[in-house]
Amino acid sequence: IDTDGDGLCDETEIAWGTNPEAVDSDLDGLTDRAERDLGYAPLLPDSPPRDLLVFLEEAEGATAQYPIQRIVRGNGEVYTGAFVATRVANRLDYDASTFLEQAHAVGAYPMENVFEVLPEAQQFRGVFGRTELTYEIRFAFDGATPRSCVTAFPFSYQIKREDGVTVGFGRYLLVVLPDGGRLENAEWCVPDGGCI
C-alpha cells in the first residue's frame, strides 16, 4: 500500500519515520522517494541544499547555467575541472549528461594570476597566488523527451591540480521541471515497478 502515491510503501515510510500520507514529509519540494533514491534525507528540509539545485524546464530552447567557483593558492600549476554524471534508473535511461550542453572554464579573479585559460578543456594554466577560479556548466533541454513530471539527475564536478590532487569537489542535482512548472507544485515522476 502506498497511500500518498510517492513510490514508497506505507510500511517503508513508517520504518523510516516519513509520513505515509504526505508525498514530501519535509516540505522541501522533493518527494520522499526522490530524496531516498538520490541519497538525501527526506526529513531534513535543507537536504539537498537549495543552492546545489539546478533547474531546467522541459521546453524547446530552455537552458540553465550553473557557476562553480573555487579559491586555490597556486604556484604555477594547472587546474582542470571535470563534469561527472551519476547514473540513475529511469524510464528513458537519461542522466545529467543527456542535458549537458557545455562545461567550461570561464574566468579567474584576479585574472592576472592566471597565465592561460582553456575554456573547452576546463583548464586554467600557470595559476599563481590566491585565485578564484570560475567554471560554468550549461544545460539545454533540446532534443530530450518531455515527461511532464519532475525528474532529478545527480552530477558532480571536481577540480584537480596537475599532480592529481583534488582541490574541489561538489555534488549537485539537475531538476528537470515540466514547462512552466515550479518545484513546489509540480508532480514528480514515480519510478516504475510499484512502491518499495
N, C-alpha and C. Protein backbone atom coordinates (compact mmCIF):
# COMPACT_ATOMS: atom_id res chain seq x y z
N ILE A 1 0.85 -1.19 0.00
CA ILE A 1 0.00 0.00 0.00
C ILE A 1 0.89 1.24 0.00
N ASP A 2 0.56 2.17 -0.87
CA ASP A 2 1.28 3.45 -0.98
C ASP A 2 0.23 4.55 -0.94
N THR A 3 -0.17 4.95 0.25
CA THR A 3 -1.28 5.88 0.44
C THR A 3 -1.07 7.20 -0.28
N ASP A 4 0.15 7.77 -0.18
CA ASP A 4 0.39 9.10 -0.78
C ASP A 4 0.85 9.02 -2.24
N GLY A 5 1.12 7.82 -2.75
CA GLY A 5 1.49 7.66 -4.16
C GLY A 5 2.87 8.19 -4.52
N ASP A 6 3.79 8.25 -3.55
CA ASP A 6 5.12 8.79 -3.84
C ASP A 6 6.14 7.73 -4.24
N GLY A 7 5.72 6.45 -4.26
CA GLY A 7 6.63 5.38 -4.63
C GLY A 7 7.25 4.67 -3.45
N LEU A 8 6.95 5.14 -2.23
CA LEU A 8 7.39 4.45 -1.02
C LEU A 8 6.18 3.79 -0.38
N CYS A 9 6.29 2.49 -0.09
CA CYS A 9 5.19 1.79 0.56
C CYS A 9 4.99 2.36 1.97
N ASP A 10 3.77 2.31 2.45
CA ASP A 10 3.45 2.85 3.78
C ASP A 10 4.35 2.26 4.86
N GLU A 11 4.56 0.94 4.81
CA GLU A 11 5.40 0.31 5.85
C GLU A 11 6.84 0.80 5.78
N THR A 12 7.34 1.10 4.58
CA THR A 12 8.69 1.65 4.43
C THR A 12 8.75 3.05 5.05
N GLU A 13 7.72 3.86 4.77
CA GLU A 13 7.69 5.22 5.33
C GLU A 13 7.61 5.18 6.85
N ILE A 14 6.82 4.29 7.39
CA ILE A 14 6.71 4.18 8.86
C ILE A 14 8.07 3.78 9.44
N ALA A 15 8.74 2.83 8.80
CA ALA A 15 10.05 2.38 9.29
C ALA A 15 11.08 3.51 9.25
N TRP A 16 11.01 4.38 8.22
CA TRP A 16 11.97 5.48 8.08
C TRP A 16 11.54 6.74 8.82
N GLY A 17 10.31 6.77 9.29
CA GLY A 17 9.84 7.95 10.01
C GLY A 17 9.25 9.03 9.13
N THR A 18 9.10 8.76 7.82
CA THR A 18 8.45 9.73 6.94
C THR A 18 6.94 9.53 7.02
N ASN A 19 6.19 10.50 6.50
CA ASN A 19 4.74 10.49 6.60
C ASN A 19 4.13 9.74 5.42
N PRO A 20 3.47 8.60 5.67
CA PRO A 20 2.88 7.83 4.57
C PRO A 20 1.69 8.53 3.90
N GLU A 21 1.26 9.64 4.46
CA GLU A 21 0.14 10.38 3.89
C GLU A 21 0.59 11.69 3.25
N ALA A 22 1.91 11.89 3.15
CA ALA A 22 2.45 13.11 2.54
C ALA A 22 3.55 12.73 1.55
N VAL A 23 3.43 13.20 0.32
CA VAL A 23 4.43 12.91 -0.71
C VAL A 23 5.79 13.47 -0.32
N ASP A 24 5.79 14.60 0.38
CA ASP A 24 7.01 15.32 0.74
C ASP A 24 7.00 15.65 2.23
N SER A 25 7.53 14.75 3.05
CA SER A 25 7.44 14.90 4.51
C SER A 25 8.09 16.16 5.04
N ASP A 26 9.22 16.59 4.45
CA ASP A 26 9.92 17.77 4.97
C ASP A 26 9.57 19.06 4.22
N LEU A 27 8.64 18.98 3.27
CA LEU A 27 8.13 20.16 2.54
C LEU A 27 9.22 20.96 1.82
N ASP A 28 10.22 20.26 1.29
CA ASP A 28 11.30 20.97 0.58
C ASP A 28 11.12 20.93 -0.94
N GLY A 29 10.03 20.32 -1.42
CA GLY A 29 9.77 20.27 -2.85
C GLY A 29 10.20 18.98 -3.51
N LEU A 30 10.99 18.16 -2.83
CA LEU A 30 11.41 16.86 -3.36
C LEU A 30 10.61 15.77 -2.65
N THR A 31 10.11 14.80 -3.40
CA THR A 31 9.33 13.73 -2.76
C THR A 31 10.23 12.88 -1.88
N ASP A 32 9.59 12.19 -0.94
CA ASP A 32 10.34 11.30 -0.05
C ASP A 32 11.08 10.24 -0.86
N ARG A 33 10.44 9.69 -1.89
CA ARG A 33 11.07 8.66 -2.72
C ARG A 33 12.26 9.23 -3.48
N ALA A 34 12.10 10.42 -4.06
CA ALA A 34 13.21 11.02 -4.81
C ALA A 34 14.41 11.24 -3.89
N GLU A 35 14.15 11.78 -2.70
CA GLU A 35 15.27 12.02 -1.77
C GLU A 35 15.94 10.72 -1.37
N ARG A 36 15.14 9.70 -1.11
CA ARG A 36 15.70 8.40 -0.73
C ARG A 36 16.54 7.83 -1.88
N ASP A 37 16.01 7.86 -3.11
CA ASP A 37 16.72 7.31 -4.26
C ASP A 37 18.00 8.06 -4.58
N LEU A 38 18.02 9.37 -4.32
CA LEU A 38 19.17 10.19 -4.67
C LEU A 38 20.17 10.37 -3.53
N GLY A 39 19.88 9.74 -2.38
CA GLY A 39 20.83 9.77 -1.26
C GLY A 39 20.71 10.97 -0.35
N TYR A 40 19.55 11.61 -0.32
CA TYR A 40 19.32 12.74 0.58
C TYR A 40 18.43 12.32 1.74
N ALA A 41 18.23 13.22 2.69
CA ALA A 41 17.45 12.92 3.89
C ALA A 41 16.03 13.47 3.75
N PRO A 42 15.02 12.60 3.62
CA PRO A 42 13.65 13.06 3.39
C PRO A 42 12.99 13.74 4.59
N LEU A 43 13.70 13.82 5.71
CA LEU A 43 13.15 14.51 6.88
C LEU A 43 13.87 15.82 7.19
N LEU A 44 14.83 16.19 6.37
CA LEU A 44 15.57 17.44 6.59
C LEU A 44 15.30 18.39 5.43
N PRO A 45 14.64 19.53 5.68
CA PRO A 45 14.29 20.44 4.58
C PRO A 45 15.48 21.05 3.85
N ASP A 46 16.67 21.01 4.43
CA ASP A 46 17.84 21.56 3.74
C ASP A 46 18.69 20.46 3.11
N SER A 47 18.08 19.29 2.89
CA SER A 47 18.76 18.18 2.23
C SER A 47 17.94 17.76 1.01
N PRO A 48 18.45 18.06 -0.18
CA PRO A 48 19.72 18.70 -0.51
C PRO A 48 19.64 20.21 -0.33
N PRO A 49 20.79 20.87 -0.11
CA PRO A 49 20.78 22.33 0.00
C PRO A 49 20.25 22.96 -1.28
N ARG A 50 19.40 23.95 -1.15
CA ARG A 50 18.74 24.59 -2.29
C ARG A 50 19.74 25.19 -3.27
N ASP A 51 20.89 25.67 -2.78
CA ASP A 51 21.85 26.30 -3.69
C ASP A 51 22.63 25.29 -4.54
N LEU A 52 22.40 24.00 -4.33
CA LEU A 52 23.05 22.97 -5.13
C LEU A 52 22.11 22.37 -6.17
N LEU A 53 20.92 22.99 -6.32
CA LEU A 53 19.95 22.53 -7.30
C LEU A 53 20.04 23.41 -8.55
N VAL A 54 19.97 22.78 -9.71
CA VAL A 54 19.96 23.49 -10.99
C VAL A 54 18.63 23.15 -11.66
N PHE A 55 17.86 24.16 -12.05
CA PHE A 55 16.53 23.93 -12.60
C PHE A 55 16.52 24.13 -14.12
N LEU A 56 15.93 23.17 -14.83
CA LEU A 56 15.82 23.21 -16.27
C LEU A 56 14.39 22.86 -16.65
N GLU A 57 13.76 23.66 -17.51
CA GLU A 57 12.39 23.39 -17.95
C GLU A 57 12.37 22.47 -19.15
N GLU A 58 11.30 21.66 -19.23
CA GLU A 58 11.08 20.79 -20.39
C GLU A 58 10.47 21.62 -21.52
N ALA A 59 11.27 22.43 -22.14
CA ALA A 59 10.78 23.28 -23.23
C ALA A 59 11.89 23.42 -24.26
N GLU A 60 11.52 23.40 -25.52
CA GLU A 60 12.48 23.58 -26.60
C GLU A 60 13.18 24.93 -26.42
N GLY A 61 14.48 24.94 -26.45
CA GLY A 61 15.25 26.17 -26.27
C GLY A 61 15.56 26.53 -24.83
N ALA A 62 15.02 25.76 -23.87
CA ALA A 62 15.29 26.05 -22.45
C ALA A 62 16.73 25.70 -22.09
N THR A 63 17.35 26.58 -21.33
CA THR A 63 18.72 26.35 -20.87
C THR A 63 18.83 26.70 -19.39
N ALA A 64 19.89 26.23 -18.77
CA ALA A 64 20.19 26.57 -17.38
C ALA A 64 21.71 26.59 -17.23
N GLN A 65 22.22 27.60 -16.54
CA GLN A 65 23.65 27.70 -16.29
C GLN A 65 23.89 27.59 -14.78
N TYR A 66 25.03 27.02 -14.45
CA TYR A 66 25.40 26.92 -13.03
C TYR A 66 26.89 27.20 -12.89
N PRO A 67 27.26 28.25 -12.12
CA PRO A 67 28.68 28.54 -11.93
C PRO A 67 29.27 27.73 -10.78
N ILE A 68 30.50 27.32 -10.94
CA ILE A 68 31.22 26.63 -9.87
C ILE A 68 32.50 27.40 -9.63
N GLN A 69 32.68 27.86 -8.40
CA GLN A 69 33.84 28.68 -8.06
C GLN A 69 34.67 28.00 -6.97
N ARG A 70 35.96 28.15 -7.10
CA ARG A 70 36.86 27.55 -6.13
C ARG A 70 38.08 28.45 -5.96
N ILE A 71 38.45 28.74 -4.71
CA ILE A 71 39.66 29.51 -4.43
C ILE A 71 40.82 28.55 -4.25
N VAL A 72 41.89 28.80 -5.00
CA VAL A 72 43.10 27.98 -4.91
C VAL A 72 44.27 28.88 -4.58
N ARG A 73 45.36 28.29 -4.14
CA ARG A 73 46.61 29.01 -3.90
C ARG A 73 47.65 28.34 -4.79
N GLY A 74 47.88 28.95 -5.93
CA GLY A 74 48.72 28.33 -6.94
C GLY A 74 50.17 28.75 -6.88
N ASN A 75 50.99 27.89 -7.46
CA ASN A 75 52.41 28.15 -7.61
C ASN A 75 52.84 27.79 -9.03
N GLY A 76 51.99 28.24 -9.99
CA GLY A 76 52.27 27.95 -11.39
C GLY A 76 51.61 26.69 -11.92
N GLU A 77 50.73 26.07 -11.13
CA GLU A 77 50.12 24.81 -11.53
C GLU A 77 49.00 24.98 -12.56
N VAL A 78 48.55 23.82 -13.05
CA VAL A 78 47.40 23.71 -13.95
C VAL A 78 46.25 23.12 -13.14
N TYR A 79 45.06 23.71 -13.28
CA TYR A 79 43.85 23.22 -12.61
C TYR A 79 42.82 22.88 -13.67
N THR A 80 42.29 21.65 -13.59
CA THR A 80 41.34 21.17 -14.59
C THR A 80 40.06 20.71 -13.93
N GLY A 81 38.93 21.14 -14.49
CA GLY A 81 37.62 20.74 -13.99
C GLY A 81 37.07 19.57 -14.79
N ALA A 82 36.15 18.82 -14.17
CA ALA A 82 35.53 17.68 -14.86
C ALA A 82 34.11 17.49 -14.36
N PHE A 83 33.18 17.41 -15.32
CA PHE A 83 31.77 17.12 -15.05
C PHE A 83 31.58 15.60 -15.07
N VAL A 84 30.87 15.07 -14.06
CA VAL A 84 30.61 13.63 -13.99
C VAL A 84 29.13 13.42 -13.69
N ALA A 85 28.41 12.76 -14.59
CA ALA A 85 27.01 12.43 -14.37
C ALA A 85 26.91 11.14 -13.57
N THR A 86 25.97 11.09 -12.63
CA THR A 86 25.72 9.89 -11.85
C THR A 86 24.57 9.13 -12.49
N ARG A 87 24.75 7.86 -12.73
CA ARG A 87 23.68 7.05 -13.34
C ARG A 87 22.53 6.88 -12.36
N VAL A 88 21.31 7.06 -12.86
CA VAL A 88 20.10 6.80 -12.08
C VAL A 88 19.13 6.01 -12.95
N ALA A 89 18.35 5.14 -12.31
CA ALA A 89 17.37 4.35 -13.05
C ALA A 89 16.18 5.23 -13.41
N ASN A 90 15.84 5.27 -14.69
CA ASN A 90 14.65 5.99 -15.13
C ASN A 90 14.20 5.43 -16.46
N ARG A 91 12.96 5.65 -16.78
CA ARG A 91 12.33 5.06 -17.97
C ARG A 91 13.06 5.37 -19.27
N LEU A 92 13.61 6.56 -19.40
CA LEU A 92 14.25 6.97 -20.65
C LEU A 92 15.76 6.74 -20.65
N ASP A 93 16.30 6.20 -19.55
CA ASP A 93 17.73 5.96 -19.42
C ASP A 93 18.54 7.25 -19.58
N TYR A 94 18.00 8.35 -19.05
CA TYR A 94 18.69 9.64 -19.06
C TYR A 94 19.56 9.78 -17.81
N ASP A 95 20.58 10.61 -17.90
CA ASP A 95 21.30 11.10 -16.74
C ASP A 95 21.62 12.57 -17.02
N ALA A 96 22.32 13.23 -16.13
CA ALA A 96 22.57 14.67 -16.29
C ALA A 96 23.33 14.98 -17.59
N SER A 97 24.14 14.04 -18.06
CA SER A 97 24.89 14.29 -19.30
C SER A 97 23.98 14.38 -20.53
N THR A 98 22.77 13.82 -20.44
CA THR A 98 21.79 13.92 -21.53
C THR A 98 21.51 15.39 -21.85
N PHE A 99 21.53 16.23 -20.83
CA PHE A 99 21.16 17.63 -20.97
C PHE A 99 22.38 18.56 -21.02
N LEU A 100 23.58 18.01 -20.83
CA LEU A 100 24.78 18.83 -20.80
C LEU A 100 25.06 19.42 -22.17
N GLU A 101 25.12 20.73 -22.23
CA GLU A 101 25.48 21.41 -23.47
C GLU A 101 26.96 21.76 -23.47
N GLN A 102 27.44 22.22 -22.32
CA GLN A 102 28.84 22.63 -22.24
C GLN A 102 29.27 22.76 -20.78
N ALA A 103 30.51 22.37 -20.51
CA ALA A 103 31.17 22.66 -19.24
C ALA A 103 32.48 23.30 -19.62
N HIS A 104 32.76 24.46 -19.05
CA HIS A 104 33.98 25.15 -19.47
C HIS A 104 34.52 26.07 -18.37
N ALA A 105 35.78 26.43 -18.52
CA ALA A 105 36.42 27.41 -17.65
C ALA A 105 36.05 28.78 -18.17
N VAL A 106 35.61 29.69 -17.28
CA VAL A 106 35.16 30.99 -17.77
C VAL A 106 36.01 32.18 -17.32
N GLY A 107 36.64 32.08 -16.17
CA GLY A 107 37.43 33.22 -15.72
C GLY A 107 38.03 33.02 -14.34
N ALA A 108 38.85 33.96 -13.96
CA ALA A 108 39.52 33.90 -12.66
C ALA A 108 39.59 35.29 -12.07
N TYR A 109 39.73 35.34 -10.74
CA TYR A 109 39.89 36.64 -10.07
C TYR A 109 41.00 36.51 -9.03
N PRO A 110 42.03 37.33 -9.13
CA PRO A 110 42.30 38.28 -10.21
C PRO A 110 42.84 37.54 -11.45
N MET A 111 42.44 38.02 -12.59
CA MET A 111 42.79 37.37 -13.86
C MET A 111 44.30 37.37 -14.11
N GLU A 112 44.99 38.38 -13.60
CA GLU A 112 46.44 38.45 -13.84
C GLU A 112 47.21 37.34 -13.13
N ASN A 113 46.54 36.57 -12.24
CA ASN A 113 47.18 35.44 -11.57
C ASN A 113 47.21 34.18 -12.44
N VAL A 114 46.59 34.25 -13.61
CA VAL A 114 46.49 33.08 -14.49
C VAL A 114 47.19 33.37 -15.81
N PHE A 115 48.06 32.45 -16.22
CA PHE A 115 48.77 32.63 -17.48
C PHE A 115 47.85 32.39 -18.68
N GLU A 116 47.02 31.34 -18.60
CA GLU A 116 46.19 30.98 -19.76
C GLU A 116 44.92 30.26 -19.30
N VAL A 117 43.81 30.56 -19.98
CA VAL A 117 42.54 29.88 -19.73
C VAL A 117 42.18 29.12 -21.00
N LEU A 118 41.92 27.82 -20.85
CA LEU A 118 41.49 26.98 -21.97
C LEU A 118 40.05 26.57 -21.69
N PRO A 119 39.07 27.35 -22.18
CA PRO A 119 37.66 27.13 -21.82
C PRO A 119 37.17 25.71 -22.08
N GLU A 120 37.32 25.19 -23.30
CA GLU A 120 36.78 23.88 -23.63
C GLU A 120 37.47 22.76 -22.87
N ALA A 121 38.73 22.93 -22.54
CA ALA A 121 39.47 21.93 -21.77
C ALA A 121 39.16 22.03 -20.28
N GLN A 122 38.36 23.05 -19.90
CA GLN A 122 38.00 23.30 -18.49
C GLN A 122 39.28 23.45 -17.66
N GLN A 123 40.20 24.27 -18.17
CA GLN A 123 41.53 24.31 -17.59
C GLN A 123 42.06 25.73 -17.42
N PHE A 124 42.73 25.92 -16.28
CA PHE A 124 43.48 27.15 -16.00
C PHE A 124 44.94 26.75 -15.89
N ARG A 125 45.81 27.42 -16.63
CA ARG A 125 47.23 27.08 -16.65
C ARG A 125 48.05 28.22 -16.03
N GLY A 126 49.10 27.83 -15.31
CA GLY A 126 50.00 28.81 -14.72
C GLY A 126 49.33 29.69 -13.70
N VAL A 127 48.68 29.08 -12.71
CA VAL A 127 47.97 29.83 -11.66
C VAL A 127 48.94 30.14 -10.52
N PHE A 128 49.05 31.43 -10.17
CA PHE A 128 49.91 31.87 -9.08
C PHE A 128 49.10 32.61 -8.02
N GLY A 129 49.42 32.35 -6.75
CA GLY A 129 48.81 33.08 -5.66
C GLY A 129 47.36 32.69 -5.41
N ARG A 130 46.73 33.44 -4.50
CA ARG A 130 45.32 33.19 -4.14
C ARG A 130 44.43 33.65 -5.30
N THR A 131 43.74 32.69 -5.91
CA THR A 131 42.97 32.97 -7.11
C THR A 131 41.63 32.25 -7.05
N GLU A 132 40.57 32.94 -7.42
CA GLU A 132 39.26 32.31 -7.51
C GLU A 132 39.03 31.87 -8.96
N LEU A 133 38.88 30.57 -9.15
CA LEU A 133 38.65 30.01 -10.47
C LEU A 133 37.15 29.83 -10.66
N THR A 134 36.64 30.17 -11.84
CA THR A 134 35.21 30.00 -12.12
C THR A 134 35.02 29.13 -13.35
N TYR A 135 34.25 28.09 -13.14
CA TYR A 135 33.83 27.19 -14.20
C TYR A 135 32.32 27.38 -14.38
N GLU A 136 31.79 27.00 -15.53
CA GLU A 136 30.35 27.09 -15.72
C GLU A 136 29.86 25.85 -16.45
N ILE A 137 28.72 25.33 -15.96
CA ILE A 137 28.07 24.20 -16.60
C ILE A 137 26.79 24.73 -17.23
N ARG A 138 26.56 24.36 -18.47
CA ARG A 138 25.36 24.82 -19.19
C ARG A 138 24.57 23.60 -19.65
N PHE A 139 23.29 23.58 -19.28
CA PHE A 139 22.39 22.50 -19.67
C PHE A 139 21.37 23.04 -20.67
N ALA A 140 20.87 22.16 -21.55
CA ALA A 140 19.83 22.53 -22.51
C ALA A 140 18.87 21.35 -22.65
N PHE A 141 17.58 21.66 -22.83
CA PHE A 141 16.59 20.60 -22.96
C PHE A 141 16.43 20.11 -24.39
N ASP A 142 16.94 20.81 -25.35
CA ASP A 142 16.74 20.49 -26.77
C ASP A 142 16.95 19.01 -27.07
N GLY A 143 15.96 18.43 -27.75
CA GLY A 143 16.08 17.05 -28.19
C GLY A 143 15.65 16.00 -27.19
N ALA A 144 15.45 16.35 -25.94
CA ALA A 144 15.04 15.38 -24.93
C ALA A 144 13.52 15.17 -25.02
N THR A 145 13.06 14.04 -24.51
CA THR A 145 11.63 13.73 -24.50
C THR A 145 10.99 14.29 -23.24
N PRO A 146 9.97 15.13 -23.35
CA PRO A 146 9.30 15.66 -22.15
C PRO A 146 8.59 14.55 -21.38
N ARG A 147 8.66 14.60 -20.06
CA ARG A 147 7.95 13.64 -19.21
C ARG A 147 6.69 14.27 -18.61
N SER A 148 6.63 15.60 -18.55
CA SER A 148 5.51 16.33 -17.94
C SER A 148 5.38 16.05 -16.45
N CYS A 149 6.46 15.61 -15.85
CA CYS A 149 6.54 15.45 -14.40
C CYS A 149 8.00 15.73 -14.03
N VAL A 150 8.25 16.00 -12.78
CA VAL A 150 9.59 16.39 -12.33
C VAL A 150 10.51 15.16 -12.26
N THR A 151 11.71 15.31 -12.78
CA THR A 151 12.74 14.29 -12.64
C THR A 151 14.02 14.98 -12.14
N ALA A 152 14.89 14.22 -11.52
CA ALA A 152 16.13 14.80 -10.99
C ALA A 152 17.31 13.89 -11.33
N PHE A 153 18.41 14.54 -11.66
CA PHE A 153 19.60 13.83 -12.11
C PHE A 153 20.83 14.35 -11.36
N PRO A 154 21.44 13.53 -10.52
CA PRO A 154 22.63 13.98 -9.79
C PRO A 154 23.86 14.04 -10.69
N PHE A 155 24.73 14.97 -10.37
CA PHE A 155 26.02 15.05 -11.05
C PHE A 155 27.02 15.65 -10.09
N SER A 156 28.28 15.51 -10.42
CA SER A 156 29.32 16.11 -9.59
C SER A 156 30.28 16.89 -10.48
N TYR A 157 31.03 17.75 -9.84
CA TYR A 157 32.07 18.49 -10.56
C TYR A 157 33.29 18.49 -9.67
N GLN A 158 34.41 18.09 -10.25
CA GLN A 158 35.64 18.07 -9.47
C GLN A 158 36.72 18.87 -10.17
N ILE A 159 37.57 19.46 -9.35
CA ILE A 159 38.69 20.26 -9.85
C ILE A 159 39.97 19.62 -9.33
N LYS A 160 40.86 19.30 -10.27
CA LYS A 160 42.13 18.67 -9.88
C LYS A 160 43.31 19.52 -10.30
N ARG A 161 44.33 19.47 -9.46
CA ARG A 161 45.61 20.08 -9.79
C ARG A 161 46.36 19.10 -10.68
N GLU A 162 47.34 19.58 -11.43
CA GLU A 162 48.06 18.73 -12.39
C GLU A 162 48.73 17.51 -11.76
N ASP A 163 49.00 17.55 -10.45
CA ASP A 163 49.61 16.39 -9.80
C ASP A 163 48.57 15.35 -9.37
N GLY A 164 47.29 15.57 -9.75
CA GLY A 164 46.24 14.62 -9.45
C GLY A 164 45.48 14.87 -8.16
N VAL A 165 45.90 15.86 -7.39
CA VAL A 165 45.23 16.17 -6.12
C VAL A 165 43.92 16.89 -6.41
N THR A 166 42.83 16.40 -5.81
CA THR A 166 41.53 17.05 -5.95
C THR A 166 41.48 18.25 -5.01
N VAL A 167 41.26 19.42 -5.57
CA VAL A 167 41.21 20.65 -4.76
C VAL A 167 39.79 21.18 -4.62
N GLY A 168 38.86 20.58 -5.33
CA GLY A 168 37.46 20.98 -5.23
C GLY A 168 36.55 19.87 -5.71
N PHE A 169 35.48 19.61 -4.96
CA PHE A 169 34.52 18.60 -5.35
C PHE A 169 33.15 19.02 -4.85
N GLY A 170 32.16 18.94 -5.71
CA GLY A 170 30.80 19.27 -5.30
C GLY A 170 29.81 18.30 -5.92
N ARG A 171 28.75 18.02 -5.19
CA ARG A 171 27.68 17.16 -5.65
C ARG A 171 26.45 18.02 -5.87
N TYR A 172 25.82 17.92 -7.04
CA TYR A 172 24.72 18.80 -7.42
C TYR A 172 23.55 17.98 -7.94
N LEU A 173 22.42 18.65 -8.17
CA LEU A 173 21.24 17.96 -8.64
C LEU A 173 20.57 18.79 -9.73
N LEU A 174 20.50 18.23 -10.94
CA LEU A 174 19.77 18.86 -12.03
C LEU A 174 18.31 18.43 -11.91
N VAL A 175 17.42 19.42 -11.73
CA VAL A 175 15.98 19.15 -11.59
C VAL A 175 15.30 19.61 -12.87
N VAL A 176 14.69 18.66 -13.58
CA VAL A 176 14.01 18.97 -14.83
C VAL A 176 12.52 19.08 -14.55
N LEU A 177 11.98 20.28 -14.81
CA LEU A 177 10.59 20.61 -14.48
C LEU A 177 9.73 20.64 -15.73
N PRO A 178 8.44 20.27 -15.61
CA PRO A 178 7.53 20.45 -16.74
C PRO A 178 7.52 21.92 -17.16
N ASP A 179 7.27 22.18 -18.43
CA ASP A 179 7.24 23.54 -18.96
C ASP A 179 6.30 24.41 -18.13
N GLY A 180 6.83 25.48 -17.57
CA GLY A 180 6.04 26.41 -16.76
C GLY A 180 5.83 25.95 -15.33
N GLY A 181 6.32 24.78 -14.97
CA GLY A 181 6.11 24.25 -13.62
C GLY A 181 7.09 24.82 -12.60
N ARG A 182 6.73 24.65 -11.35
CA ARG A 182 7.59 25.05 -10.24
C ARG A 182 7.79 23.84 -9.34
N LEU A 183 8.91 23.77 -8.67
CA LEU A 183 9.22 22.64 -7.81
C LEU A 183 8.14 22.43 -6.75
N GLU A 184 7.62 23.53 -6.24
CA GLU A 184 6.67 23.45 -5.13
C GLU A 184 5.32 22.85 -5.53
N ASN A 185 4.93 22.94 -6.81
CA ASN A 185 3.59 22.46 -7.16
C ASN A 185 3.54 21.46 -8.31
N ALA A 186 4.68 21.08 -8.87
CA ALA A 186 4.69 20.13 -9.99
C ALA A 186 4.68 18.70 -9.47
N GLU A 187 4.08 17.82 -10.22
CA GLU A 187 4.02 16.41 -9.85
C GLU A 187 5.32 15.71 -10.24
N TRP A 188 5.83 14.87 -9.36
CA TRP A 188 7.06 14.13 -9.63
C TRP A 188 6.75 12.85 -10.39
N CYS A 189 7.67 12.43 -11.24
CA CYS A 189 7.56 11.13 -11.90
C CYS A 189 7.76 10.05 -10.84
N VAL A 190 6.92 9.05 -10.85
CA VAL A 190 7.06 7.93 -9.91
C VAL A 190 7.75 6.78 -10.64
N PRO A 191 8.80 6.21 -10.03
CA PRO A 191 9.51 5.12 -10.71
C PRO A 191 8.59 3.93 -11.00
N ASP A 192 8.90 3.21 -12.08
CA ASP A 192 8.14 2.02 -12.45
C ASP A 192 8.37 0.91 -11.41
N GLY A 193 7.46 -0.04 -11.37
CA GLY A 193 7.67 -1.24 -10.55
C GLY A 193 6.98 -1.22 -9.21
N GLY A 194 6.12 -0.27 -8.94
CA GLY A 194 5.43 -0.24 -7.65
C GLY A 194 6.26 0.34 -6.55
N CYS A 195 5.68 0.38 -5.37
CA CYS A 195 6.36 1.01 -4.25
C CYS A 195 7.42 0.08 -3.66
N ILE A 196 8.36 0.67 -2.95
CA ILE A 196 9.42 -0.12 -2.29
C ILE A 196 9.30 0.04 -0.79
